[in-house]
Amino acid sequence: MQNLTNKEEEIMHILWKLKKAFVKDVMAEITTEQPHYNTLSTIVRNLEEKGYVAHTAYGNTHQYYPIVALEDYRKKFMNTAIENYFNNSYKNMVSFFAQEEKISAKELREILDIIEKK
């Protein structure tokens, strides 16, 4: 699985949400500065070349749909982040969020409960 640019990732989130979409449908979902239609079309075609989406042709228009599941991408993204930023240690990652006060002791106890029930 190739890495995505920030803009490609934004477009993938829209496609995961919509499940199937024409470029104009994707454009309507963009809440930040909207790219030109042709630019967006190029981004979607790049996602197809990278193996993230496929399309169904209706004449000259294409309806795109994701072929990589959000969960599969999430696993790859998290594994890469943990490897690159936390020395391949989940403990280091959780410690980071605890120190940044992004996770509470109560949430950590809930995580421990989940782990212990497996």
PDB file of N, CA and C in Angstrom:
ATOM      1  N   MET A   1       0.842  -1.170   0.000  1.00  0.00           N
ATOM      2  CA  MET A   1       0.000   0.000   0.000  1.00  0.00           C
ATOM      3  C   MET A   1       0.892   1.239   0.000  1.00  0.00           C
ATOM      4  N   GLN A   2       0.746   2.076  -1.010  1.00  0.00           N
ATOM      5  CA  GLN A   2       1.538   3.295  -1.096  1.00  0.00           C
ATOM      6  C   GLN A   2       1.018   4.344  -0.113  1.00  0.00           C
ATOM      7  N   ASN A   3       1.910   5.238   0.292  1.00  0.00           N
ATOM      8  CA  ASN A   3       1.518   6.329   1.173  1.00  0.00           C
ATOM      9  C   ASN A   3       0.654   7.326   0.419  1.00  0.00           C
ATOM     10  N   LEU A   4      -0.220   8.002   1.151  1.00  0.00           N
ATOM     11  CA  LEU A   4      -1.089   9.017   0.566  1.00  0.00           C
ATOM     12  C   LEU A   4      -0.620  10.403   0.989  1.00  0.00           C
ATOM     13  N   THR A   5      -0.836  11.369   0.106  1.00  0.00           N
ATOM     14  CA  THR A   5      -0.616  12.760   0.481  1.00  0.00           C
ATOM     15  C   THR A   5      -1.771  13.175   1.392  1.00  0.00           C
ATOM     16  N   ASN A   6      -1.619  14.313   2.054  1.00  0.00           N
ATOM     17  CA  ASN A   6      -2.701  14.799   2.919  1.00  0.00           C
ATOM     18  C   ASN A   6      -3.997  14.990   2.140  1.00  0.00           C
ATOM     19  N   LYS A   7      -3.917  15.550   0.935  1.00  0.00           N
ATOM     20  CA  LYS A   7      -5.102  15.794   0.118  1.00  0.00           C
ATOM     21  C   LYS A   7      -5.724  14.466  -0.325  1.00  0.00           C
ATOM     22  N   GLU A   8      -4.883  13.502  -0.711  1.00  0.00           N
ATOM     23  CA  GLU A   8      -5.410  12.181  -1.102  1.00  0.00           C
ATOM     24  C   GLU A   8      -6.123  11.523   0.073  1.00  0.00           C
ATOM     25  N   GLU A   9      -5.541  11.652   1.260  1.00  0.00           N
ATOM     26  CA  GLU A   9      -6.165  11.070   2.447  1.00  0.00           C
ATOM     27  C   GLU A   9      -7.517  11.740   2.729  1.00  0.00           C
ATOM     28  N   GLU A  10      -7.575  13.045   2.571  1.00  0.00           N
ATOM     29  CA  GLU A  10      -8.840  13.773   2.750  1.00  0.00           C
ATOM     30  C   GLU A  10      -9.903  13.246   1.775  1.00  0.00           C
ATOM     31  N   ILE A  11      -9.507  13.042   0.533  1.00  0.00           N
ATOM     32  CA  ILE A  11     -10.443  12.547  -0.483  1.00  0.00           C
ATOM     33  C   ILE A  11     -10.866  11.110  -0.161  1.00  0.00           C
ATOM     34  N   MET A  12      -9.925  10.289   0.321  1.00  0.00           N
ATOM     35  CA  MET A  12     -10.283   8.917   0.698  1.00  0.00           C
ATOM     36  C   MET A  12     -11.319   8.910   1.809  1.00  0.00           C
ATOM     37  N   HIS A  13     -11.186   9.789   2.789  1.00  0.00           N
ATOM     38  CA  HIS A  13     -12.169   9.845   3.879  1.00  0.00           C
ATOM     39  C   HIS A  13     -13.560  10.175   3.329  1.00  0.00           C
ATOM     40  N   ILE A  14     -13.603  11.040   2.338  1.00  0.00           N
ATOM     41  CA  ILE A  14     -14.884  11.357   1.701  1.00  0.00           C
ATOM     42  C   ILE A  14     -15.431  10.129   0.979  1.00  0.00           C
ATOM     43  N   LEU A  15     -14.577   9.420   0.244  1.00  0.00           N
ATOM     44  CA  LEU A  15     -15.033   8.220  -0.479  1.00  0.00           C
ATOM     45  C   LEU A  15     -15.448   7.117   0.482  1.00  0.00           C
ATOM     46  N   TRP A  16     -14.750   6.953   1.595  1.00  0.00           N
ATOM     47  CA  TRP A  16     -15.170   5.951   2.592  1.00  0.00           C
ATOM     48  C   TRP A  16     -16.546   6.317   3.143  1.00  0.00           C
ATOM     49  N   LYS A  17     -16.774   7.599   3.352  1.00  0.00           N
ATOM     50  CA  LYS A  17     -18.065   8.063   3.878  1.00  0.00           C
ATOM     51  C   LYS A  17     -19.183   7.843   2.851  1.00  0.00           C
ATOM     52  N   LEU A  18     -18.935   8.226   1.596  1.00  0.00           N
ATOM     53  CA  LEU A  18     -19.974   8.164   0.564  1.00  0.00           C
ATOM     54  C   LEU A  18     -20.138   6.762  -0.033  1.00  0.00           C
ATOM     55  N   LYS A  19     -19.117   5.947   0.040  1.00  0.00           N
ATOM     56  CA  LYS A  19     -19.072   4.583  -0.498  1.00  0.00           C
ATOM     57  C   LYS A  19     -18.951   4.553  -2.025  1.00  0.00           C
ATOM     58  N   LYS A  20     -19.709   5.369  -2.745  1.00  0.00           N
ATOM     59  CA  LYS A  20     -19.587   5.514  -4.199  1.00  0.00           C
ATOM     60  C   LYS A  20     -19.819   6.980  -4.519  1.00  0.00           C
ATOM     61  N   ALA A  21     -19.029   7.542  -5.446  1.00  0.00           N
ATOM     62  CA  ALA A  21     -19.206   8.964  -5.734  1.00  0.00           C
ATOM     63  C   ALA A  21     -18.602   9.340  -7.084  1.00  0.00           C
ATOM     64  N   PHE A  22     -19.256  10.282  -7.733  1.00  0.00           N
ATOM     65  CA  PHE A  22     -18.686  10.954  -8.889  1.00  0.00           C
ATOM     66  C   PHE A  22     -17.815  12.086  -8.348  1.00  0.00           C
ATOM     67  N   VAL A  23     -16.929  12.617  -9.178  1.00  0.00           N
ATOM     68  CA  VAL A  23     -16.038  13.686  -8.729  1.00  0.00           C
ATOM     69  C   VAL A  23     -16.847  14.863  -8.180  1.00  0.00           C
ATOM     70  N   LYS A  24     -17.972  15.190  -8.812  1.00  0.00           N
ATOM     71  CA  LYS A  24     -18.796  16.316  -8.339  1.00  0.00           C
ATOM     72  C   LYS A  24     -19.352  16.049  -6.943  1.00  0.00           C
ATOM     73  N   ASP A  25     -19.626  14.775  -6.621  1.00  0.00           N
ATOM     74  CA  ASP A  25     -20.104  14.420  -5.278  1.00  0.00           C
ATOM     75  C   ASP A  25     -18.998  14.628  -4.246  1.00  0.00           C
ATOM     76  N   VAL A  26     -17.780  14.247  -4.618  1.00  0.00           N
ATOM     77  CA  VAL A  26     -16.628  14.446  -3.728  1.00  0.00           C
ATOM     78  C   VAL A  26     -16.414  15.946  -3.504  1.00  0.00           C
ATOM     79  N   MET A  27     -16.490  16.710  -4.588  1.00  0.00           N
ATOM     80  CA  MET A  27     -16.306  18.167  -4.507  1.00  0.00           C
ATOM     81  C   MET A  27     -17.297  18.782  -3.519  1.00  0.00           C
ATOM     82  N   ALA A  28     -18.524  18.324  -3.544  1.00  0.00           N
ATOM     83  CA  ALA A  28     -19.566  18.878  -2.668  1.00  0.00           C
ATOM     84  C   ALA A  28     -19.284  18.612  -1.187  1.00  0.00           C
ATOM     85  N   GLU A  29     -18.481  17.591  -0.887  1.00  0.00           N
ATOM     86  CA  GLU A  29     -18.172  17.223   0.504  1.00  0.00           C
ATOM     87  C   GLU A  29     -16.957  17.942   1.065  1.00  0.00           C
ATOM     88  N   ILE A  30     -16.176  18.588   0.221  1.00  0.00           N
ATOM     89  CA  ILE A  30     -14.948  19.243   0.671  1.00  0.00           C
ATOM     90  C   ILE A  30     -15.311  20.528   1.408  1.00  0.00           C
ATOM     91  N   THR A  31     -14.918  20.591   2.679  1.00  0.00           N
ATOM     92  CA  THR A  31     -15.276  21.743   3.509  1.00  0.00           C
ATOM     93  C   THR A  31     -14.155  22.774   3.569  1.00  0.00           C
ATOM     94  N   THR A  32     -12.939  22.355   3.236  1.00  0.00           N
ATOM     95  CA  THR A  32     -11.825  23.302   3.207  1.00  0.00           C
ATOM     96  C   THR A  32     -11.827  23.975   1.837  1.00  0.00           C
ATOM     97  N   GLU A  33     -10.762  24.643   1.507  1.00  0.00           N
ATOM     98  CA  GLU A  33     -10.680  25.297   0.195  1.00  0.00           C
ATOM     99  C   GLU A  33     -10.829  24.264  -0.917  1.00  0.00           C
ATOM    100  N   GLN A  34     -11.824  24.466  -1.763  1.00  0.00           N
ATOM    101  CA  GLN A  34     -12.096  23.483  -2.815  1.00  0.00           C
ATOM    102  C   GLN A  34     -11.083  23.614  -3.950  1.00  0.00           C
ATOM    103  N   PRO A  35     -10.537  22.472  -4.369  1.00  0.00           N
ATOM    104  CA  PRO A  35      -9.631  22.503  -5.521  1.00  0.00           C
ATOM    105  C   PRO A  35     -10.449  22.685  -6.801  1.00  0.00           C
ATOM    106  N   HIS A  36      -9.790  23.003  -7.882  1.00  0.00           N
ATOM    107  CA  HIS A  36     -10.445  23.055  -9.187  1.00  0.00           C
ATOM    108  C   HIS A  36     -10.930  21.648  -9.524  1.00  0.00           C
ATOM    109  N   TYR A  37     -12.012  21.528 -10.247  1.00  0.00           N
ATOM    110  CA  TYR A  37     -12.595  20.230 -10.606  1.00  0.00           C
ATOM    111  C   TYR A  37     -11.549  19.321 -11.247  1.00  0.00           C
ATOM    112  N   ASN A  38     -10.774  19.854 -12.200  1.00  0.00           N
ATOM    113  CA  ASN A  38      -9.767  19.022 -12.894  1.00  0.00           C
ATOM    114  C   ASN A  38      -8.680  18.537 -11.935  1.00  0.00           C
ATOM    115  N   THR A  39      -8.311  19.371 -10.964  1.00  0.00           N
ATOM    116  CA  THR A  39      -7.320  18.976  -9.961  1.00  0.00           C
ATOM    117  C   THR A  39      -7.865  17.825  -9.124  1.00  0.00           C
ATOM    118  N   LEU A  40      -9.114  17.956  -8.686  1.00  0.00           N
ATOM    119  CA  LEU A  40      -9.736  16.898  -7.897  1.00  0.00           C
ATOM    120  C   LEU A  40      -9.839  15.604  -8.704  1.00  0.00           C
ATOM    121  N   SER A  41     -10.206  15.728  -9.963  1.00  0.00           N
ATOM    122  CA  SER A  41     -10.290  14.553 -10.834  1.00  0.00           C
ATOM    123  C   SER A  41      -8.935  13.856 -10.947  1.00  0.00           C
ATOM    124  N   THR A  42      -7.866  14.639 -11.036  1.00  0.00           N
ATOM    125  CA  THR A  42      -6.514  14.073 -11.101  1.00  0.00           C
ATOM    126  C   THR A  42      -6.175  13.357  -9.796  1.00  0.00           C
ATOM    127  N   ILE A  43      -6.542  13.953  -8.664  1.00  0.00           N
ATOM    128  CA  ILE A  43      -6.269  13.328  -7.366  1.00  0.00           C
ATOM    129  C   ILE A  43      -6.974  11.976  -7.281  1.00  0.00           C
ATOM    130  N   VAL A  44      -8.229  11.931  -7.711  1.00  0.00           N
ATOM    131  CA  VAL A  44      -8.990  10.676  -7.656  1.00  0.00           C
ATOM    132  C   VAL A  44      -8.373   9.636  -8.586  1.00  0.00           C
ATOM    133  N   ARG A  45      -7.950  10.049  -9.767  1.00  0.00           N
ATOM    134  CA  ARG A  45      -7.289   9.106 -10.683  1.00  0.00           C
ATOM    135  C   ARG A  45      -5.971   8.606 -10.094  1.00  0.00           C
ATOM    136  N   ASN A  46      -5.235   9.483  -9.377  1.00  0.00           N
ATOM    137  CA  ASN A  46      -3.997   9.056  -8.705  1.00  0.00           C
ATOM    138  C   ASN A  46      -4.307   8.003  -7.641  1.00  0.00           C
ATOM    139  N   LEU A  47      -5.412   8.198  -6.916  1.00  0.00           N
ATOM    140  CA  LEU A  47      -5.825   7.207  -5.917  1.00  0.00           C
ATOM    141  C   LEU A  47      -6.121   5.872  -6.584  1.00  0.00           C
ATOM    142  N   GLU A  48      -6.674   5.931  -7.775  1.00  0.00           N
ATOM    143  CA  GLU A  48      -6.941   4.694  -8.515  1.00  0.00           C
ATOM    144  C   GLU A  48      -5.639   4.027  -8.941  1.00  0.00           C
ATOM    145  N   GLU A  49      -4.688   4.826  -9.418  1.00  0.00           N
ATOM    146  CA  GLU A  49      -3.384   4.273  -9.824  1.00  0.00           C
ATOM    147  C   GLU A  49      -2.649   3.659  -8.635  1.00  0.00           C
ATOM    148  N   LYS A  50      -2.824   4.234  -7.450  1.00  0.00           N
ATOM    149  CA  LYS A  50      -2.181   3.717  -6.240  1.00  0.00           C
ATOM    150  C   LYS A  50      -2.910   2.498  -5.677  1.00  0.00           C
ATOM    151  N   GLY A  51      -4.065   2.158  -6.243  1.00  0.00           N
ATOM    152  CA  GLY A  51      -4.781   0.967  -5.810  1.00  0.00           C
ATOM    153  C   GLY A  51      -5.751   1.176  -4.662  1.00  0.00           C
ATOM    154  N   TYR A  52      -6.133   2.406  -4.397  1.00  0.00           N
ATOM    155  CA  TYR A  52      -7.066   2.693  -3.313  1.00  0.00           C
ATOM    156  C   TYR A  52      -8.519   2.736  -3.767  1.00  0.00           C
ATOM    157  N   VAL A  53      -8.751   3.129  -5.021  1.00  0.00           N
ATOM    158  CA  VAL A  53     -10.116   3.203  -5.539  1.00  0.00           C
ATOM    159  C   VAL A  53     -10.197   2.553  -6.904  1.00  0.00           C
ATOM    160  N   ALA A  54     -11.415   2.227  -7.282  1.00  0.00           N
ATOM    161  CA  ALA A  54     -11.710   1.736  -8.628  1.00  0.00           C
ATOM    162  C   ALA A  54     -12.918   2.535  -9.120  1.00  0.00           C
ATOM    163  N   HIS A  55     -13.327   2.287 -10.363  1.00  0.00           N
ATOM    164  CA  HIS A  55     -14.468   3.045 -10.870  1.00  0.00           C
ATOM    165  C   HIS A  55     -15.378   2.182 -11.730  1.00  0.00           C
ATOM    166  N   THR A  56     -16.599   2.662 -11.853  1.00  0.00           N
ATOM    167  CA  THR A  56     -17.565   2.137 -12.812  1.00  0.00           C
ATOM    168  C   THR A  56     -17.805   3.251 -13.817  1.00  0.00           C
ATOM    169  N   ALA A  57     -17.675   2.927 -15.098  1.00  0.00           N
ATOM    170  CA  ALA A  57     -17.845   3.946 -16.140  1.00  0.00           C
ATOM    171  C   ALA A  57     -19.308   4.032 -16.561  1.00  0.00           C
ATOM    172  N   TYR A  58     -19.779   5.238 -16.688  1.00  0.00           N
ATOM    173  CA  TYR A  58     -21.105   5.536 -17.239  1.00  0.00           C
ATOM    174  C   TYR A  58     -20.876   6.521 -18.365  1.00  0.00           C
ATOM    175  N   GLY A  59     -20.628   5.995 -19.558  1.00  0.00           N
ATOM    176  CA  GLY A  59     -20.255   6.861 -20.673  1.00  0.00           C
ATOM    177  C   GLY A  59     -18.913   7.499 -20.387  1.00  0.00           C
ATOM    178  N   ASN A  60     -18.886   8.825 -20.428  1.00  0.00           N
ATOM    179  CA  ASN A  60     -17.635   9.554 -20.177  1.00  0.00           C
ATOM    180  C   ASN A  60     -17.409   9.875 -18.707  1.00  0.00           C
ATOM    181  N   THR A  61     -18.361   9.554 -17.844  1.00  0.00           N
ATOM    182  CA  THR A  61     -18.194   9.851 -16.426  1.00  0.00           C
ATOM    183  C   THR A  61     -17.875   8.577 -15.654  1.00  0.00           C
ATOM    184  N   HIS A  62     -17.175   8.746 -14.559  1.00  0.00           N
ATOM    185  CA  HIS A  62     -16.784   7.611 -13.732  1.00  0.00           C
ATOM    186  C   HIS A  62     -17.297   7.797 -12.310  1.00  0.00           C
ATOM    187  N   GLN A  63     -17.844   6.711 -11.770  1.00  0.00           N
ATOM    188  CA  GLN A  63     -18.240   6.696 -10.369  1.00  0.00           C
ATOM    189  C   GLN A  63     -17.179   5.901  -9.623  1.00  0.00           C
ATOM    190  N   TYR A  64     -16.563   6.532  -8.642  1.00  0.00           N
ATOM    191  CA  TYR A  64     -15.446   5.931  -7.920  1.00  0.00           C
ATOM    192  C   TYR A  64     -15.905   5.321  -6.607  1.00  0.00           C
ATOM    193  N   TYR A  65     -15.208   4.282  -6.191  1.00  0.00           N
ATOM    194  CA  TYR A  65     -15.509   3.632  -4.914  1.00  0.00           C
ATOM    195  C   TYR A  65     -14.206   3.087  -4.332  1.00  0.00           C
ATOM    196  N   PRO A  66     -14.103   3.090  -2.988  1.00  0.00           N
ATOM    197  CA  PRO A  66     -12.872   2.607  -2.350  1.00  0.00           C
ATOM    198  C   PRO A  66     -12.729   1.093  -2.479  1.00  0.00           C
ATOM    199  N   ILE A  67     -11.520   0.650  -2.706  1.00  0.00           N
ATOM    200  CA  ILE A  67     -11.242  -0.795  -2.695  1.00  0.00           C
ATOM    201  C   ILE A  67     -10.294  -1.157  -1.547  1.00  0.00           C
ATOM    202  N   VAL A  68      -9.815  -0.144  -0.836  1.00  0.00           N
ATOM    203  CA  VAL A  68      -9.068  -0.350   0.411  1.00  0.00           C
ATOM    204  C   VAL A  68      -9.999   0.090   1.527  1.00  0.00           C
ATOM    205  N   ALA A  69     -10.242  -0.795   2.468  1.00  0.00           N
ATOM    206  CA  ALA A  69     -11.141  -0.477   3.582  1.00  0.00           C
ATOM    207  C   ALA A  69     -10.484   0.515   4.528  1.00  0.00           C
ATOM    208  N   LEU A  70     -11.305   1.355   5.136  1.00  0.00           N
ATOM    209  CA  LEU A  70     -10.807   2.328   6.117  1.00  0.00           C
ATOM    210  C   LEU A  70     -10.028   1.627   7.223  1.00  0.00           C
ATOM    211  N   GLU A  71     -10.529   0.500   7.709  1.00  0.00           N
ATOM    212  CA  GLU A  71      -9.856  -0.223   8.794  1.00  0.00           C
ATOM    213  C   GLU A  71      -8.465  -0.697   8.369  1.00  0.00           C
ATOM    214  N   ASP A  72      -8.323  -1.180   7.134  1.00  0.00           N
ATOM    215  CA  ASP A  72      -7.013  -1.616   6.635  1.00  0.00           C
ATOM    216  C   ASP A  72      -6.046  -0.430   6.558  1.00  0.00           C
ATOM    217  N   TYR A  73      -6.543   0.714   6.075  1.00  0.00           N
ATOM    218  CA  TYR A  73      -5.700   1.900   5.993  1.00  0.00           C
ATOM    219  C   TYR A  73      -5.313   2.381   7.396  1.00  0.00           C
ATOM    220  N   ARG A  74      -6.279   2.360   8.302  1.00  0.00           N
ATOM    221  CA  ARG A  74      -6.029   2.796   9.684  1.00  0.00           C
ATOM    222  C   ARG A  74      -4.913   1.952  10.307  1.00  0.00           C
ATOM    223  N   LYS A  75      -4.949   0.633  10.119  1.00  0.00           N
ATOM    224  CA  LYS A  75      -3.910  -0.244  10.672  1.00  0.00           C
ATOM    225  C   LYS A  75      -2.541   0.108  10.111  1.00  0.00           C
ATOM    226  N   LYS A  76      -2.466   0.299   8.785  1.00  0.00           N
ATOM    227  CA  LYS A  76      -1.196   0.648   8.159  1.00  0.00           C
ATOM    228  C   LYS A  76      -0.702   1.996   8.674  1.00  0.00           C
ATOM    229  N   PHE A  77      -1.602   2.963   8.740  1.00  0.00           N
ATOM    230  CA  PHE A  77      -1.248   4.304   9.197  1.00  0.00           C
ATOM    231  C   PHE A  77      -0.713   4.265  10.626  1.00  0.00           C
ATOM    232  N   MET A  78      -1.410   3.579  11.506  1.00  0.00           N
ATOM    233  CA  MET A  78      -0.998   3.515  12.912  1.00  0.00           C
ATOM    234  C   MET A  78       0.309   2.749  13.067  1.00  0.00           C
ATOM    235  N   ASN A  79       0.453   1.636  12.372  1.00  0.00           N
ATOM    236  CA  ASN A  79       1.699   0.872  12.462  1.00  0.00           C
ATOM    237  C   ASN A  79       2.887   1.706  12.007  1.00  0.00           C
ATOM    238  N   THR A  80       2.700   2.471  10.924  1.00  0.00           N
ATOM    239  CA  THR A  80       3.772   3.332  10.421  1.00  0.00           C
ATOM    240  C   THR A  80       4.090   4.437  11.420  1.00  0.00           C
ATOM    241  N   ALA A  81       3.056   5.065  11.989  1.00  0.00           N
ATOM    242  CA  ALA A  81       3.271   6.138  12.966  1.00  0.00           C
ATOM    243  C   ALA A  81       3.981   5.611  14.209  1.00  0.00           C
ATOM    244  N   ILE A  82       3.565   4.464  14.694  1.00  0.00           N
ATOM    245  CA  ILE A  82       4.189   3.895  15.898  1.00  0.00           C
ATOM    246  C   ILE A  82       5.642   3.529  15.615  1.00  0.00           C
ATOM    247  N   GLU A  83       5.894   2.991  14.430  1.00  0.00           N
ATOM    248  CA  GLU A  83       7.260   2.629  14.057  1.00  0.00           C
ATOM    249  C   GLU A  83       8.138   3.880  13.929  1.00  0.00           C
ATOM    250  N   ASN A  84       7.618   4.911  13.252  1.00  0.00           N
ATOM    251  CA  ASN A  84       8.423   6.101  12.948  1.00  0.00           C
ATOM    252  C   ASN A  84       8.550   7.087  14.107  1.00  0.00           C
ATOM    253  N   TYR A  85       7.538   7.175  14.971  1.00  0.00           N
ATOM    254  CA  TYR A  85       7.532   8.218  15.988  1.00  0.00           C
ATOM    255  C   TYR A  85       7.628   7.712  17.425  1.00  0.00           C
ATOM    256  N   PHE A  86       7.393   6.421  17.629  1.00  0.00           N
ATOM    257  CA  PHE A  86       7.374   5.901  18.999  1.00  0.00           C
ATOM    258  C   PHE A  86       8.291   4.693  19.172  1.00  0.00           C
ATOM    259  N   ASN A  87       9.315   4.595  18.313  1.00  0.00           N
ATOM    260  CA  ASN A  87      10.313   3.536  18.417  1.00  0.00           C
ATOM    261  C   ASN A  87       9.669   2.156  18.428  1.00  0.00           C
ATOM    262  N   ASN A  88       8.610   2.020  17.632  1.00  0.00           N
ATOM    263  CA  ASN A  88       7.892   0.753  17.478  1.00  0.00           C
ATOM    264  C   ASN A  88       7.337   0.236  18.808  1.00  0.00           C
ATOM    265  N   SER A  89       6.957   1.173  19.701  1.00  0.00           N
ATOM    266  CA  SER A  89       6.483   0.805  21.031  1.00  0.00           C
ATOM    267  C   SER A  89       5.106   1.412  21.287  1.00  0.00           C
ATOM    268  N   TYR A  90       4.131   0.533  21.505  1.00  0.00           N
ATOM    269  CA  TYR A  90       2.786   1.012  21.860  1.00  0.00           C
ATOM    270  C   TYR A  90       2.812   1.674  23.237  1.00  0.00           C
ATOM    271  N   LYS A  91       3.674   1.170  24.118  1.00  0.00           N
ATOM    272  CA  LYS A  91       3.819   1.773  25.448  1.00  0.00           C
ATOM    273  C   LYS A  91       4.278   3.221  25.323  1.00  0.00           C
ATOM    274  N   ASN A  92       5.249   3.477  24.448  1.00  0.00           N
ATOM    275  CA  ASN A  92       5.719   4.840  24.235  1.00  0.00           C
ATOM    276  C   ASN A  92       4.600   5.726  23.688  1.00  0.00           C
ATOM    277  N   MET A  93       3.780   5.167  22.805  1.00  0.00           N
ATOM    278  CA  MET A  93       2.675   5.936  22.235  1.00  0.00           C
ATOM    279  C   MET A  93       1.664   6.314  23.317  1.00  0.00           C
ATOM    280  N   VAL A  94       1.260   5.346  24.123  1.00  0.00           N
ATOM    281  CA  VAL A  94       0.279   5.611  25.180  1.00  0.00           C
ATOM    282  C   VAL A  94       0.865   6.594  26.195  1.00  0.00           C
ATOM    283  N   SER A  95       2.140   6.439  26.530  1.00  0.00           N
ATOM    284  CA  SER A  95       2.801   7.369  27.460  1.00  0.00           C
ATOM    285  C   SER A  95       2.789   8.787  26.911  1.00  0.00           C
ATOM    286  N   PHE A  96       3.028   8.909  25.626  1.00  0.00           N
ATOM    287  CA  PHE A  96       3.005  10.226  24.983  1.00  0.00           C
ATOM    288  C   PHE A  96       1.636  10.882  25.173  1.00  0.00           C
ATOM    289  N   PHE A  97       0.566  10.122  24.884  1.00  0.00           N
ATOM    290  CA  PHE A  97      -0.776  10.693  25.009  1.00  0.00           C
ATOM    291  C   PHE A  97      -1.127  10.992  26.461  1.00  0.00           C
ATOM    292  N   ALA A  98      -0.635  10.199  27.378  1.00  0.00           N
ATOM    293  CA  ALA A  98      -0.869  10.458  28.798  1.00  0.00           C
ATOM    294  C   ALA A  98      -0.157  11.744  29.226  1.00  0.00           C
ATOM    295  N   GLN A  99       1.101  11.909  28.803  1.00  0.00           N
ATOM    296  CA  GLN A  99       1.861  13.105  29.154  1.00  0.00           C
ATOM    297  C   GLN A  99       1.251  14.360  28.530  1.00  0.00           C
ATOM    298  N   GLU A 100       0.685  14.218  27.341  1.00  0.00           N
ATOM    299  CA  GLU A 100       0.052  15.351  26.666  1.00  0.00           C
ATOM    300  C   GLU A 100      -1.367  15.599  27.168  1.00  0.00           C
ATOM    301  N   GLU A 101      -1.782  14.783  28.136  1.00  0.00           N
ATOM    302  CA  GLU A 101      -3.122  14.853  28.717  1.00  0.00           C
ATOM    303  C   GLU A 101      -4.213  14.670  27.674  1.00  0.00           C
ATOM    304  N   LYS A 102      -3.957  13.770  26.732  1.00  0.00           N
ATOM    305  CA  LYS A 102      -4.925  13.431  25.696  1.00  0.00           C
ATOM    306  C   LYS A 102      -5.702  12.165  26.058  1.00  0.00           C
ATOM    307  N   ILE A 103      -5.255  11.489  27.108  1.00  0.00           N
ATOM    308  CA  ILE A 103      -5.932  10.278  27.572  1.00  0.00           C
ATOM    309  C   ILE A 103      -5.955  10.320  29.100  1.00  0.00           C
ATOM    310  N   SER A 104      -7.083   9.956  29.658  1.00  0.00           N
ATOM    311  CA  SER A 104      -7.236  10.028  31.114  1.00  0.00           C
ATOM    312  C   SER A 104      -6.939   8.681  31.761  1.00  0.00           C
ATOM    313  N   ALA A 105      -6.772   8.713  33.079  1.00  0.00           N
ATOM    314  CA  ALA A 105      -6.553   7.469  33.833  1.00  0.00           C
ATOM    315  C   ALA A 105      -7.770   6.558  33.682  1.00  0.00           C
ATOM    316  N   LYS A 106      -8.958   7.149  33.671  1.00  0.00           N
ATOM    317  CA  LYS A 106     -10.180   6.359  33.492  1.00  0.00           C
ATOM    318  C   LYS A 106     -10.162   5.640  32.138  1.00  0.00           C
ATOM    319  N   GLU A 107      -9.758   6.358  31.089  1.00  0.00           N
ATOM    320  CA  GLU A 107      -9.682   5.744  29.763  1.00  0.00           C
ATOM    321  C   GLU A 107      -8.621   4.643  29.730  1.00  0.00           C
ATOM    322  N   LEU A 108      -7.507   4.862  30.411  1.00  0.00           N
ATOM    323  CA  LEU A 108      -6.467   3.834  30.478  1.00  0.00           C
ATOM    324  C   LEU A 108      -6.983   2.584  31.184  1.00  0.00           C
ATOM    325  N   ARG A 109      -7.769   2.770  32.260  1.00  0.00           N
ATOM    326  CA  ARG A 109      -8.362   1.617  32.945  1.00  0.00           C
ATOM    327  C   ARG A 109      -9.325   0.870  32.019  1.00  0.00           C
ATOM    328  N   GLU A 110     -10.081   1.617  31.214  1.00  0.00           N
ATOM    329  CA  GLU A 110     -11.000   0.990  30.257  1.00  0.00           C
ATOM    330  C   GLU A 110     -10.218   0.177  29.222  1.00  0.00           C
ATOM    331  N   ILE A 111      -9.084   0.709  28.789  1.00  0.00           N
ATOM    332  CA  ILE A 111      -8.229  -0.025  27.843  1.00  0.00           C
ATOM    333  C   ILE A 111      -7.704  -1.299  28.494  1.00  0.00           C
ATOM    334  N   LEU A 112      -7.274  -1.203  29.742  1.00  0.00           N
ATOM    335  CA  LEU A 112      -6.803  -2.395  30.470  1.00  0.00           C
ATOM    336  C   LEU A 112      -7.918  -3.434  30.574  1.00  0.00           C
ATOM    337  N   ASP A 113      -9.135  -3.006  30.838  1.00  0.00           N
ATOM    338  CA  ASP A 113     -10.267  -3.931  30.889  1.00  0.00           C
ATOM    339  C   ASP A 113     -10.450  -4.647  29.555  1.00  0.00           C
ATOM    340  N   ILE A 114     -10.336  -3.910  28.476  1.00  0.00           N
ATOM    341  CA  ILE A 114     -10.465  -4.503  27.134  1.00  0.00           C
ATOM    342  C   ILE A 114      -9.374  -5.545  26.925  1.00  0.00           C
ATOM    343  N   ILE A 115      -8.143  -5.207  27.295  1.00  0.00           N
ATOM    344  CA  ILE A 115      -7.010  -6.122  27.109  1.00  0.00           C
ATOM    345  C   ILE A 115      -7.201  -7.373  27.949  1.00  0.00           C
ATOM    346  N   GLU A 116      -7.620  -7.191  29.190  1.00  0.00           N
ATOM    347  CA  GLU A 116      -7.762  -8.338  30.097  1.00  0.00           C
ATOM    348  C   GLU A 116      -8.909  -9.260  29.691  1.00  0.00           C
ATOM    349  N   LYS A 117      -9.905  -8.737  29.009  1.00  0.00           N
ATOM    350  CA  LYS A 117     -11.045  -9.569  28.587  1.00  0.00           C
ATOM    351  C   LYS A 117     -10.726 -10.398  27.345  1.00  0.00           C
ATOM    352  N   LYS A 118      -9.642 -10.099  26.649  1.00  0.00           N
ATOM    353  CA  LYS A 118      -9.307 -10.854  25.431  1.00  0.00           C
ATOM    354  C   LYS A 118      -8.709 -12.182  25.769  1.00  0.00           C
TER     355      LYS A 118
END
